[in-house]
PDB file of all heavy atoms in Angstrom:
ATOM      1  N   LEU A   1      26.957 -43.241  18.507  1.00  0.00           N
ATOM      2  CA  LEU A   1      27.474 -43.236  19.874  1.00  0.00           C
ATOM      3  C   LEU A   1      27.508 -44.650  20.449  1.00  0.00           C
ATOM      4  O   LEU A   1      28.427 -45.011  21.200  1.00  0.00           O
ATOM      5  CB  LEU A   1      26.601 -42.334  20.746  1.00  0.00           C
ATOM      6  CG  LEU A   1      27.051 -42.108  22.193  1.00  0.00           C
ATOM      7  CD1 LEU A   1      28.401 -41.423  22.223  1.00  0.00           C
ATOM      8  CD2 LEU A   1      26.012 -41.278  22.943  1.00  0.00           C
ATOM      9  N   PHE A   2      26.515 -45.478  20.095  1.00  0.00           N
ATOM     10  CA  PHE A   2      26.486 -46.867  20.571  1.00  0.00           C
ATOM     11  C   PHE A   2      27.710 -47.630  20.075  1.00  0.00           C
ATOM     12  O   PHE A   2      28.378 -48.337  20.845  1.00  0.00           O
ATOM     13  CB  PHE A   2      25.207 -47.545  20.082  1.00  0.00           C
ATOM     14  CG  PHE A   2      25.159 -49.018  20.347  1.00  0.00           C
ATOM     15  CD1 PHE A   2      24.830 -49.503  21.602  1.00  0.00           C
ATOM     16  CD2 PHE A   2      25.450 -49.935  19.348  1.00  0.00           C
ATOM     17  CE1 PHE A   2      24.796 -50.866  21.856  1.00  0.00           C
ATOM     18  CE2 PHE A   2      25.418 -51.293  19.582  1.00  0.00           C
ATOM     19  CZ  PHE A   2      25.078 -51.760  20.850  1.00  0.00           C
ATOM     20  N   PHE A   3      28.026 -47.496  18.793  1.00  0.00           N
ATOM     21  CA  PHE A   3      29.182 -48.198  18.257  1.00  0.00           C
ATOM     22  C   PHE A   3      30.480 -47.694  18.899  1.00  0.00           C
ATOM     23  O   PHE A   3      31.400 -48.470  19.158  1.00  0.00           O
ATOM     24  CB  PHE A   3      29.249 -48.022  16.739  1.00  0.00           C
ATOM     25  CG  PHE A   3      28.088 -48.639  16.013  1.00  0.00           C
ATOM     26  CD1 PHE A   3      27.393 -47.927  15.047  1.00  0.00           C
ATOM     27  CD2 PHE A   3      27.683 -49.917  16.296  1.00  0.00           C
ATOM     28  CE1 PHE A   3      26.324 -48.486  14.377  1.00  0.00           C
ATOM     29  CE2 PHE A   3      26.608 -50.495  15.631  1.00  0.00           C
ATOM     30  CZ  PHE A   3      25.924 -49.772  14.677  1.00  0.00           C
ATOM     31  N   MET A   4      30.555 -46.393  19.172  1.00  0.00           N
ATOM     32  CA  MET A   4      31.728 -45.862  19.856  1.00  0.00           C
ATOM     33  C   MET A   4      31.822 -46.413  21.282  1.00  0.00           C
ATOM     34  O   MET A   4      32.916 -46.719  21.773  1.00  0.00           O
ATOM     35  CB  MET A   4      31.671 -44.330  19.875  1.00  0.00           C
ATOM     36  CG  MET A   4      31.851 -43.680  18.519  1.00  0.00           C
ATOM     37  SD  MET A   4      31.820 -41.884  18.594  1.00  0.00           S
ATOM     38  CE  MET A   4      33.348 -41.564  19.435  1.00  0.00           C
ATOM     39  N   ALA A   5      30.669 -46.529  21.949  1.00  0.00           N
ATOM     40  CA  ALA A   5      30.654 -47.051  23.313  1.00  0.00           C
ATOM     41  C   ALA A   5      31.106 -48.508  23.349  1.00  0.00           C
ATOM     42  O   ALA A   5      31.727 -48.945  24.333  1.00  0.00           O
ATOM     43  CB  ALA A   5      29.254 -46.910  23.915  1.00  0.00           C
ATOM     44  N   ILE A   6      30.808 -49.261  22.296  1.00  0.00           N
ATOM     45  CA  ILE A   6      31.295 -50.647  22.214  1.00  0.00           C
ATOM     46  C   ILE A   6      32.822 -50.642  22.240  1.00  0.00           C
ATOM     47  O   ILE A   6      33.468 -51.425  22.959  1.00  0.00           O
ATOM     48  CB  ILE A   6      30.784 -51.333  20.937  1.00  0.00           C
ATOM     49  CG1 ILE A   6      29.259 -51.468  20.945  1.00  0.00           C
ATOM     50  CG2 ILE A   6      31.441 -52.706  20.769  1.00  0.00           C
ATOM     51  CD1 ILE A   6      28.723 -52.371  21.991  1.00  0.00           C
ATOM     52  N   GLY A   7      33.422 -49.757  21.440  1.00  0.00           N
ATOM     53  CA  GLY A   7      34.880 -49.656  21.439  1.00  0.00           C
ATOM     54  C   GLY A   7      35.425 -49.168  22.762  1.00  0.00           C
ATOM     55  O   GLY A   7      36.465 -49.642  23.238  1.00  0.00           O
ATOM     56  N   LEU A   8      34.720 -48.214  23.386  1.00  0.00           N
ATOM     57  CA  LEU A   8      35.163 -47.682  24.678  1.00  0.00           C
ATOM     58  C   LEU A   8      35.158 -48.750  25.767  1.00  0.00           C
ATOM     59  O   LEU A   8      36.004 -48.742  26.662  1.00  0.00           O
ATOM     60  CB  LEU A   8      34.240 -46.526  25.101  1.00  0.00           C
ATOM     61  CG  LEU A   8      34.424 -45.178  24.391  1.00  0.00           C
ATOM     62  CD1 LEU A   8      33.247 -44.268  24.684  1.00  0.00           C
ATOM     63  CD2 LEU A   8      35.717 -44.519  24.858  1.00  0.00           C
ATOM     64  N   SER A   9      34.184 -49.654  25.725  1.00  0.00           N
ATOM     65  CA  SER A   9      34.024 -50.647  26.793  1.00  0.00           C
ATOM     66  C   SER A   9      34.917 -51.874  26.611  1.00  0.00           C
ATOM     67  O   SER A   9      34.917 -52.771  27.451  1.00  0.00           O
ATOM     68  CB  SER A   9      32.556 -51.100  26.873  1.00  0.00           C
ATOM     69  OG  SER A   9      32.151 -51.694  25.658  1.00  0.00           O
ATOM     70  N   LEU A  10      35.668 -51.920  25.514  1.00  0.00           N
ATOM     71  CA  LEU A  10      36.552 -53.059  25.287  1.00  0.00           C
ATOM     72  C   LEU A  10      37.678 -53.072  26.330  1.00  0.00           C
ATOM     73  O   LEU A  10      38.387 -52.078  26.513  1.00  0.00           O
ATOM     74  CB  LEU A  10      37.147 -52.994  23.881  1.00  0.00           C
ATOM     75  CG  LEU A  10      38.073 -54.144  23.470  1.00  0.00           C
ATOM     76  CD1 LEU A  10      37.302 -55.454  23.428  1.00  0.00           C
ATOM     77  CD2 LEU A  10      38.716 -53.856  22.118  1.00  0.00           C
ATOM     78  N   ASP A  11      37.829 -54.168  27.019  1.00  0.00           N
ATOM     79  CA  ASP A  11      38.870 -54.310  28.042  1.00  0.00           C
ATOM     80  C   ASP A  11      40.137 -54.837  27.370  1.00  0.00           C
ATOM     81  O   ASP A  11      40.292 -56.036  27.133  1.00  0.00           O
ATOM     82  CB  ASP A  11      38.405 -55.271  29.140  1.00  0.00           C
ATOM     83  CG  ASP A  11      39.312 -55.253  30.361  1.00  0.00           C
ATOM     84  OD1 ASP A  11      40.492 -54.879  30.214  1.00  0.00           O
ATOM     85  OD2 ASP A  11      38.839 -55.613  31.451  1.00  0.00           O
ATOM     86  N   LEU A  12      41.059 -53.933  27.064  1.00  0.00           N
ATOM     87  CA  LEU A  12      42.269 -54.328  26.348  1.00  0.00           C
ATOM     88  C   LEU A  12      43.165 -55.246  27.178  1.00  0.00           C
ATOM     89  O   LEU A  12      43.893 -56.079  26.624  1.00  0.00           O
ATOM     90  CB  LEU A  12      43.061 -53.085  25.932  1.00  0.00           C
ATOM     91  CG  LEU A  12      42.507 -52.299  24.732  1.00  0.00           C
ATOM     92  CD1 LEU A  12      43.457 -51.175  24.353  1.00  0.00           C
ATOM     93  CD2 LEU A  12      42.271 -53.210  23.538  1.00  0.00           C
ATOM     94  N   GLU A  13      43.126 -55.105  28.505  1.00  0.00           N
ATOM     95  CA  GLU A  13      43.941 -55.979  29.350  1.00  0.00           C
ATOM     96  C   GLU A  13      43.513 -57.437  29.199  1.00  0.00           C
ATOM     97  O   GLU A  13      44.346 -58.344  29.110  1.00  0.00           O
ATOM     98  CB  GLU A  13      43.834 -55.541  30.810  1.00  0.00           C
ATOM     99  CG  GLU A  13      44.490 -54.197  31.095  1.00  0.00           C
ATOM    100  CD  GLU A  13      44.443 -53.858  32.573  1.00  0.00           C
ATOM    101  OE1 GLU A  13      43.957 -54.707  33.366  1.00  0.00           O
ATOM    102  OE2 GLU A  13      44.869 -52.750  32.933  1.00  0.00           O
ATOM    103  N   VAL A  14      42.187 -57.649  29.152  1.00  0.00           N
ATOM    104  CA  VAL A  14      41.672 -59.004  28.949  1.00  0.00           C
ATOM    105  C   VAL A  14      42.088 -59.517  27.578  1.00  0.00           C
ATOM    106  O   VAL A  14      42.481 -60.685  27.416  1.00  0.00           O
ATOM    107  CB  VAL A  14      40.137 -59.022  29.099  1.00  0.00           C
ATOM    108  CG1 VAL A  14      39.577 -60.384  28.699  1.00  0.00           C
ATOM    109  CG2 VAL A  14      39.745 -58.687  30.528  1.00  0.00           C
ATOM    110  N   VAL A  15      42.012 -58.651  26.573  1.00  0.00           N
ATOM    111  CA  VAL A  15      42.380 -59.048  25.214  1.00  0.00           C
ATOM    112  C   VAL A  15      43.856 -59.416  25.151  1.00  0.00           C
ATOM    113  O   VAL A  15      44.240 -60.434  24.557  1.00  0.00           O
ATOM    114  CB  VAL A  15      42.061 -57.911  24.217  1.00  0.00           C
ATOM    115  CG1 VAL A  15      42.562 -58.275  22.820  1.00  0.00           C
ATOM    116  CG2 VAL A  15      40.568 -57.639  24.179  1.00  0.00           C
ATOM    117  N   VAL A  16      44.708 -58.602  25.776  1.00  0.00           N
ATOM    118  CA  VAL A  16      46.152 -58.856  25.744  1.00  0.00           C
ATOM    119  C   VAL A  16      46.497 -60.138  26.500  1.00  0.00           C
ATOM    120  O   VAL A  16      47.296 -60.961  26.029  1.00  0.00           O
ATOM    121  CB  VAL A  16      46.916 -57.650  26.338  1.00  0.00           C
ATOM    122  CG1 VAL A  16      48.399 -57.981  26.500  1.00  0.00           C
ATOM    123  CG2 VAL A  16      46.738 -56.426  25.440  1.00  0.00           C
ATOM    124  N   GLU A  17      45.900 -60.324  27.681  1.00  0.00           N
ATOM    125  CA  GLU A  17      46.205 -61.502  28.485  1.00  0.00           C
ATOM    126  C   GLU A  17      45.713 -62.793  27.848  1.00  0.00           C
ATOM    127  O   GLU A  17      46.299 -63.858  28.046  1.00  0.00           O
ATOM    128  CB  GLU A  17      45.570 -61.349  29.876  1.00  0.00           C
ATOM    129  CG  GLU A  17      46.209 -60.257  30.731  1.00  0.00           C
ATOM    130  CD  GLU A  17      45.467 -60.052  32.030  1.00  0.00           C
ATOM    131  OE1 GLU A  17      44.479 -60.793  32.270  1.00  0.00           O
ATOM    132  OE2 GLU A  17      45.848 -59.154  32.810  1.00  0.00           O
ATOM    133  N   ASN A  18      44.617 -62.706  27.089  1.00  0.00           N
ATOM    134  CA  ASN A  18      44.017 -63.916  26.506  1.00  0.00           C
ATOM    135  C   ASN A  18      43.968 -63.837  24.984  1.00  0.00           C
ATOM    136  O   ASN A  18      43.075 -64.402  24.351  1.00  0.00           O
ATOM    137  CB  ASN A  18      42.601 -64.109  27.051  1.00  0.00           C
ATOM    138  CG  ASN A  18      42.544 -64.214  28.556  1.00  0.00           C
ATOM    139  OD1 ASN A  18      42.740 -65.270  29.123  1.00  0.00           O
ATOM    140  ND2 ASN A  18      42.253 -63.088  29.209  1.00  0.00           N
ATOM    141  N   TRP A  19      44.952 -63.154  24.404  1.00  0.00           N
ATOM    142  CA  TRP A  19      44.861 -62.872  22.974  1.00  0.00           C
ATOM    143  C   TRP A  19      44.832 -64.146  22.132  1.00  0.00           C
ATOM    144  O   TRP A  19      44.118 -64.222  21.119  1.00  0.00           O
ATOM    145  CB  TRP A  19      46.018 -61.977  22.536  1.00  0.00           C
ATOM    146  CG  TRP A  19      47.364 -62.645  22.553  1.00  0.00           C
ATOM    147  CD1 TRP A  19      48.247 -62.685  23.571  1.00  0.00           C
ATOM    148  CD2 TRP A  19      47.952 -63.360  21.471  1.00  0.00           C
ATOM    149  NE1 TRP A  19      49.374 -63.399  23.213  1.00  0.00           N
ATOM    150  CE2 TRP A  19      49.221 -63.820  21.922  1.00  0.00           C
ATOM    151  CE3 TRP A  19      47.568 -63.666  20.175  1.00  0.00           C
ATOM    152  CZ2 TRP A  19      50.075 -64.570  21.112  1.00  0.00           C
ATOM    153  CZ3 TRP A  19      48.413 -64.406  19.363  1.00  0.00           C
ATOM    154  CH2 TRP A  19      49.654 -64.854  19.831  1.00  0.00           C
ATOM    155  N   LEU A  20      45.559 -65.147  22.542  1.00  0.00           N
ATOM    156  CA  LEU A  20      45.580 -66.386  21.759  1.00  0.00           C
ATOM    157  C   LEU A  20      44.226 -67.088  21.819  1.00  0.00           C
ATOM    158  O   LEU A  20      43.712 -67.578  20.796  1.00  0.00           O
ATOM    159  CB  LEU A  20      46.684 -67.302  22.287  1.00  0.00           C
ATOM    160  CG  LEU A  20      47.036 -68.510  21.416  1.00  0.00           C
ATOM    161  CD1 LEU A  20      47.474 -68.042  20.030  1.00  0.00           C
ATOM    162  CD2 LEU A  20      48.133 -69.351  22.070  1.00  0.00           C
ATOM    163  N   LEU A  21      43.642 -67.135  23.015  1.00  0.00           N
ATOM    164  CA  LEU A  21      42.337 -67.767  23.170  1.00  0.00           C
ATOM    165  C   LEU A  21      41.270 -66.994  22.392  1.00  0.00           C
ATOM    166  O   LEU A  21      40.441 -67.587  21.689  1.00  0.00           O
ATOM    167  CB  LEU A  21      41.968 -67.819  24.658  1.00  0.00           C
ATOM    168  CG  LEU A  21      40.592 -68.405  25.016  1.00  0.00           C
ATOM    169  CD1 LEU A  21      40.494 -69.855  24.554  1.00  0.00           C
ATOM    170  CD2 LEU A  21      40.342 -68.298  26.514  1.00  0.00           C
ATOM    171  N   ILE A  22      41.305 -65.672  22.510  1.00  0.00           N
ATOM    172  CA  ILE A  22      40.310 -64.839  21.802  1.00  0.00           C
ATOM    173  C   ILE A  22      40.493 -64.957  20.295  1.00  0.00           C
ATOM    174  O   ILE A  22      39.511 -65.036  19.543  1.00  0.00           O
ATOM    175  CB  ILE A  22      40.437 -63.374  22.256  1.00  0.00           C
ATOM    176  CG1 ILE A  22      39.996 -63.241  23.718  1.00  0.00           C
ATOM    177  CG2 ILE A  22      39.605 -62.454  21.377  1.00  0.00           C
ATOM    178  CD1 ILE A  22      40.217 -61.862  24.305  1.00  0.00           C
ATOM    179  N   ALA A  23      41.756 -64.985  19.845  1.00  0.00           N
ATOM    180  CA  ALA A  23      42.030 -65.106  18.405  1.00  0.00           C
ATOM    181  C   ALA A  23      41.466 -66.398  17.834  1.00  0.00           C
ATOM    182  O   ALA A  23      41.126 -66.472  16.647  1.00  0.00           O
ATOM    183  CB  ALA A  23      43.526 -65.022  18.148  1.00  0.00           C
ATOM    184  N   GLY A  24      41.360 -67.415  18.664  1.00  0.00           N
ATOM    185  CA  GLY A  24      40.746 -68.663  18.208  1.00  0.00           C
ATOM    186  C   GLY A  24      39.248 -68.676  18.384  1.00  0.00           C
ATOM    187  O   GLY A  24      38.506 -69.159  17.511  1.00  0.00           O
ATOM    188  N   LEU A  25      38.771 -68.123  19.521  1.00  0.00           N
ATOM    189  CA  LEU A  25      37.338 -68.173  19.823  1.00  0.00           C
ATOM    190  C   LEU A  25      36.488 -67.344  18.855  1.00  0.00           C
ATOM    191  O   LEU A  25      35.420 -67.778  18.432  1.00  0.00           O
ATOM    192  CB  LEU A  25      37.087 -67.689  21.254  1.00  0.00           C
ATOM    193  CG  LEU A  25      37.389 -68.663  22.386  1.00  0.00           C
ATOM    194  CD1 LEU A  25      37.126 -68.004  23.732  1.00  0.00           C
ATOM    195  CD2 LEU A  25      36.531 -69.928  22.240  1.00  0.00           C
ATOM    196  N   VAL A  26      36.957 -66.136  18.525  1.00  0.00           N
ATOM    197  CA  VAL A  26      36.136 -65.230  17.706  1.00  0.00           C
ATOM    198  C   VAL A  26      35.827 -65.836  16.334  1.00  0.00           C
ATOM    199  O   VAL A  26      34.659 -65.961  15.955  1.00  0.00           O
ATOM    200  CB  VAL A  26      36.798 -63.846  17.581  1.00  0.00           C
ATOM    201  CG1 VAL A  26      36.036 -62.978  16.578  1.00  0.00           C
ATOM    202  CG2 VAL A  26      36.840 -63.155  18.936  1.00  0.00           C
ATOM    203  N   PRO A  27      36.830 -66.237  15.553  1.00  0.00           N
ATOM    204  CA  PRO A  27      36.491 -66.815  14.244  1.00  0.00           C
ATOM    205  C   PRO A  27      35.731 -68.137  14.349  1.00  0.00           C
ATOM    206  O   PRO A  27      34.856 -68.421  13.518  1.00  0.00           O
ATOM    207  CB  PRO A  27      37.850 -67.003  13.566  1.00  0.00           C
ATOM    208  CG  PRO A  27      38.855 -66.992  14.662  1.00  0.00           C
ATOM    209  CD  PRO A  27      38.290 -66.121  15.723  1.00  0.00           C
ATOM    210  N   LEU A  28      36.046 -68.960  15.377  1.00  0.00           N
ATOM    211  CA  LEU A  28      35.328 -70.223  15.525  1.00  0.00           C
ATOM    212  C   LEU A  28      33.861 -69.999  15.855  1.00  0.00           C
ATOM    213  O   LEU A  28      32.977 -70.671  15.313  1.00  0.00           O
ATOM    214  CB  LEU A  28      35.988 -71.081  16.617  1.00  0.00           C
ATOM    215  CG  LEU A  28      37.299 -71.793  16.239  1.00  0.00           C
ATOM    216  CD1 LEU A  28      37.888 -72.494  17.450  1.00  0.00           C
ATOM    217  CD2 LEU A  28      37.051 -72.784  15.113  1.00  0.00           C
ATOM    218  N   MET A  29      33.605 -69.049  16.759  1.00  0.00           N
ATOM    219  CA  MET A  29      32.216 -68.735  17.108  1.00  0.00           C
ATOM    220  C   MET A  29      31.456 -68.187  15.899  1.00  0.00           C
ATOM    221  O   MET A  29      30.324 -68.606  15.621  1.00  0.00           O
ATOM    222  CB  MET A  29      32.193 -67.713  18.248  1.00  0.00           C
ATOM    223  CG  MET A  29      30.797 -67.390  18.775  1.00  0.00           C
ATOM    224  SD  MET A  29      29.985 -65.977  17.963  1.00  0.00           S
ATOM    225  CE  MET A  29      30.972 -64.618  18.581  1.00  0.00           C
ATOM    226  N   MET A  30      32.077 -67.283  15.157  1.00  0.00           N
ATOM    227  CA  MET A  30      31.412 -66.703  13.986  1.00  0.00           C
ATOM    228  C   MET A  30      31.175 -67.759  12.906  1.00  0.00           C
ATOM    229  O   MET A  30      30.117 -67.780  12.268  1.00  0.00           O
ATOM    230  CB  MET A  30      32.246 -65.548  13.437  1.00  0.00           C
ATOM    231  CG  MET A  30      32.374 -64.359  14.389  1.00  0.00           C
ATOM    232  SD  MET A  30      33.331 -62.986  13.722  1.00  0.00           S
ATOM    233  CE  MET A  30      32.178 -62.342  12.493  1.00  0.00           C
ATOM    234  N   LEU A  31      32.146 -68.648  12.707  1.00  0.00           N
ATOM    235  CA  LEU A  31      31.987 -69.712  11.711  1.00  0.00           C
ATOM    236  C   LEU A  31      30.870 -70.663  12.106  1.00  0.00           C
ATOM    237  O   LEU A  31      30.030 -71.047  11.278  1.00  0.00           O
ATOM    238  CB  LEU A  31      33.308 -70.463  11.543  1.00  0.00           C
ATOM    239  CG  LEU A  31      33.295 -71.636  10.548  1.00  0.00           C
ATOM    240  CD1 LEU A  31      32.980 -71.134   9.146  1.00  0.00           C
ATOM    241  CD2 LEU A  31      34.633 -72.373  10.572  1.00  0.00           C
ATOM    242  N   ALA A  32      30.852 -71.046  13.401  1.00  0.00           N
ATOM    243  CA  ALA A  32      29.810 -71.966  13.869  1.00  0.00           C
ATOM    244  C   ALA A  32      28.425 -71.336  13.716  1.00  0.00           C
ATOM    245  O   ALA A  32      27.476 -71.988  13.237  1.00  0.00           O
ATOM    246  CB  ALA A  32      30.071 -72.335  15.328  1.00  0.00           C
ATOM    247  N   LYS A  33      28.282 -70.080  14.123  1.00  0.00           N
ATOM    248  CA  LYS A  33      26.982 -69.413  13.988  1.00  0.00           C
ATOM    249  C   LYS A  33      26.561 -69.308  12.526  1.00  0.00           C
ATOM    250  O   LYS A  33      25.394 -69.528  12.181  1.00  0.00           O
ATOM    251  CB  LYS A  33      27.036 -68.018  14.610  1.00  0.00           C
ATOM    252  CG  LYS A  33      26.894 -67.985  16.118  1.00  0.00           C
ATOM    253  CD  LYS A  33      26.723 -66.577  16.644  1.00  0.00           C
ATOM    254  CE  LYS A  33      25.361 -65.992  16.285  1.00  0.00           C
ATOM    255  NZ  LYS A  33      25.141 -64.686  16.927  1.00  0.00           N
ATOM    256  N   ALA A  34      27.510 -68.947  11.664  1.00  0.00           N
ATOM    257  CA  ALA A  34      27.182 -68.793  10.246  1.00  0.00           C
ATOM    258  C   ALA A  34      26.691 -70.106   9.643  1.00  0.00           C
ATOM    259  O   ALA A  34      25.702 -70.137   8.901  1.00  0.00           O
ATOM    260  CB  ALA A  34      28.402 -68.272   9.478  1.00  0.00           C
ATOM    261  N   ILE A  35      27.369 -71.200   9.990  1.00  0.00           N
ATOM    262  CA  ILE A  35      26.965 -72.512   9.461  1.00  0.00           C
ATOM    263  C   ILE A  35      25.574 -72.891   9.971  1.00  0.00           C
ATOM    264  O   ILE A  35      24.723 -73.373   9.206  1.00  0.00           O
ATOM    265  CB  ILE A  35      28.002 -73.586   9.854  1.00  0.00           C
ATOM    266  CG1 ILE A  35      29.327 -73.327   9.124  1.00  0.00           C
ATOM    267  CG2 ILE A  35      27.483 -74.980   9.537  1.00  0.00           C
ATOM    268  CD1 ILE A  35      30.458 -74.227   9.584  1.00  0.00           C
ATOM    269  N   LEU A  36      25.344 -72.674  11.269  1.00  0.00           N
ATOM    270  CA  LEU A  36      24.045 -73.025  11.847  1.00  0.00           C
ATOM    271  C   LEU A  36      22.915 -72.160  11.286  1.00  0.00           C
ATOM    272  O   LEU A  36      21.831 -72.660  10.960  1.00  0.00           O
ATOM    273  CB  LEU A  36      24.109 -72.893  13.368  1.00  0.00           C
ATOM    274  CG  LEU A  36      25.020 -73.907  14.086  1.00  0.00           C
ATOM    275  CD1 LEU A  36      25.230 -73.502  15.537  1.00  0.00           C
ATOM    276  CD2 LEU A  36      24.420 -75.306  14.009  1.00  0.00           C
ATOM    277  N   VAL A  37      23.166 -70.845  11.148  1.00  0.00           N
ATOM    278  CA  VAL A  37      22.137 -69.957  10.580  1.00  0.00           C
ATOM    279  C   VAL A  37      21.859 -70.327   9.131  1.00  0.00           C
ATOM    280  O   VAL A  37      20.701 -70.351   8.701  1.00  0.00           O
ATOM    281  CB  VAL A  37      22.594 -68.478  10.696  1.00  0.00           C
ATOM    282  CG1 VAL A  37      21.658 -67.562   9.909  1.00  0.00           C
ATOM    283  CG2 VAL A  37      22.635 -68.042  12.150  1.00  0.00           C
ATOM    284  N   TYR A  38      22.906 -70.648   8.391  1.00  0.00           N
ATOM    285  CA  TYR A  38      22.711 -71.068   6.998  1.00  0.00           C
ATOM    286  C   TYR A  38      21.823 -72.311   6.927  1.00  0.00           C
ATOM    287  O   TYR A  38      20.888 -72.386   6.122  1.00  0.00           O
ATOM    288  CB  TYR A  38      24.068 -71.354   6.347  1.00  0.00           C
ATOM    289  CG  TYR A  38      23.966 -71.928   4.951  1.00  0.00           C
ATOM    290  CD1 TYR A  38      23.807 -71.097   3.847  1.00  0.00           C
ATOM    291  CD2 TYR A  38      24.007 -73.307   4.745  1.00  0.00           C
ATOM    292  CE1 TYR A  38      23.700 -71.624   2.570  1.00  0.00           C
ATOM    293  CE2 TYR A  38      23.899 -73.848   3.471  1.00  0.00           C
ATOM    294  CZ  TYR A  38      23.749 -73.005   2.383  1.00  0.00           C
ATOM    295  OH  TYR A  38      23.625 -73.533   1.126  1.00  0.00           O
TER     296      TYR A  38
END
């Protein structure tokens, strides 16, 4: 139910309006964290 609630709470309007920024931020954030944790 928690994982479903994560999907339910996703604001698609924010994603659509800022899709280019999010498309860049998500992989960059994950890459930076992975490198630092490593």
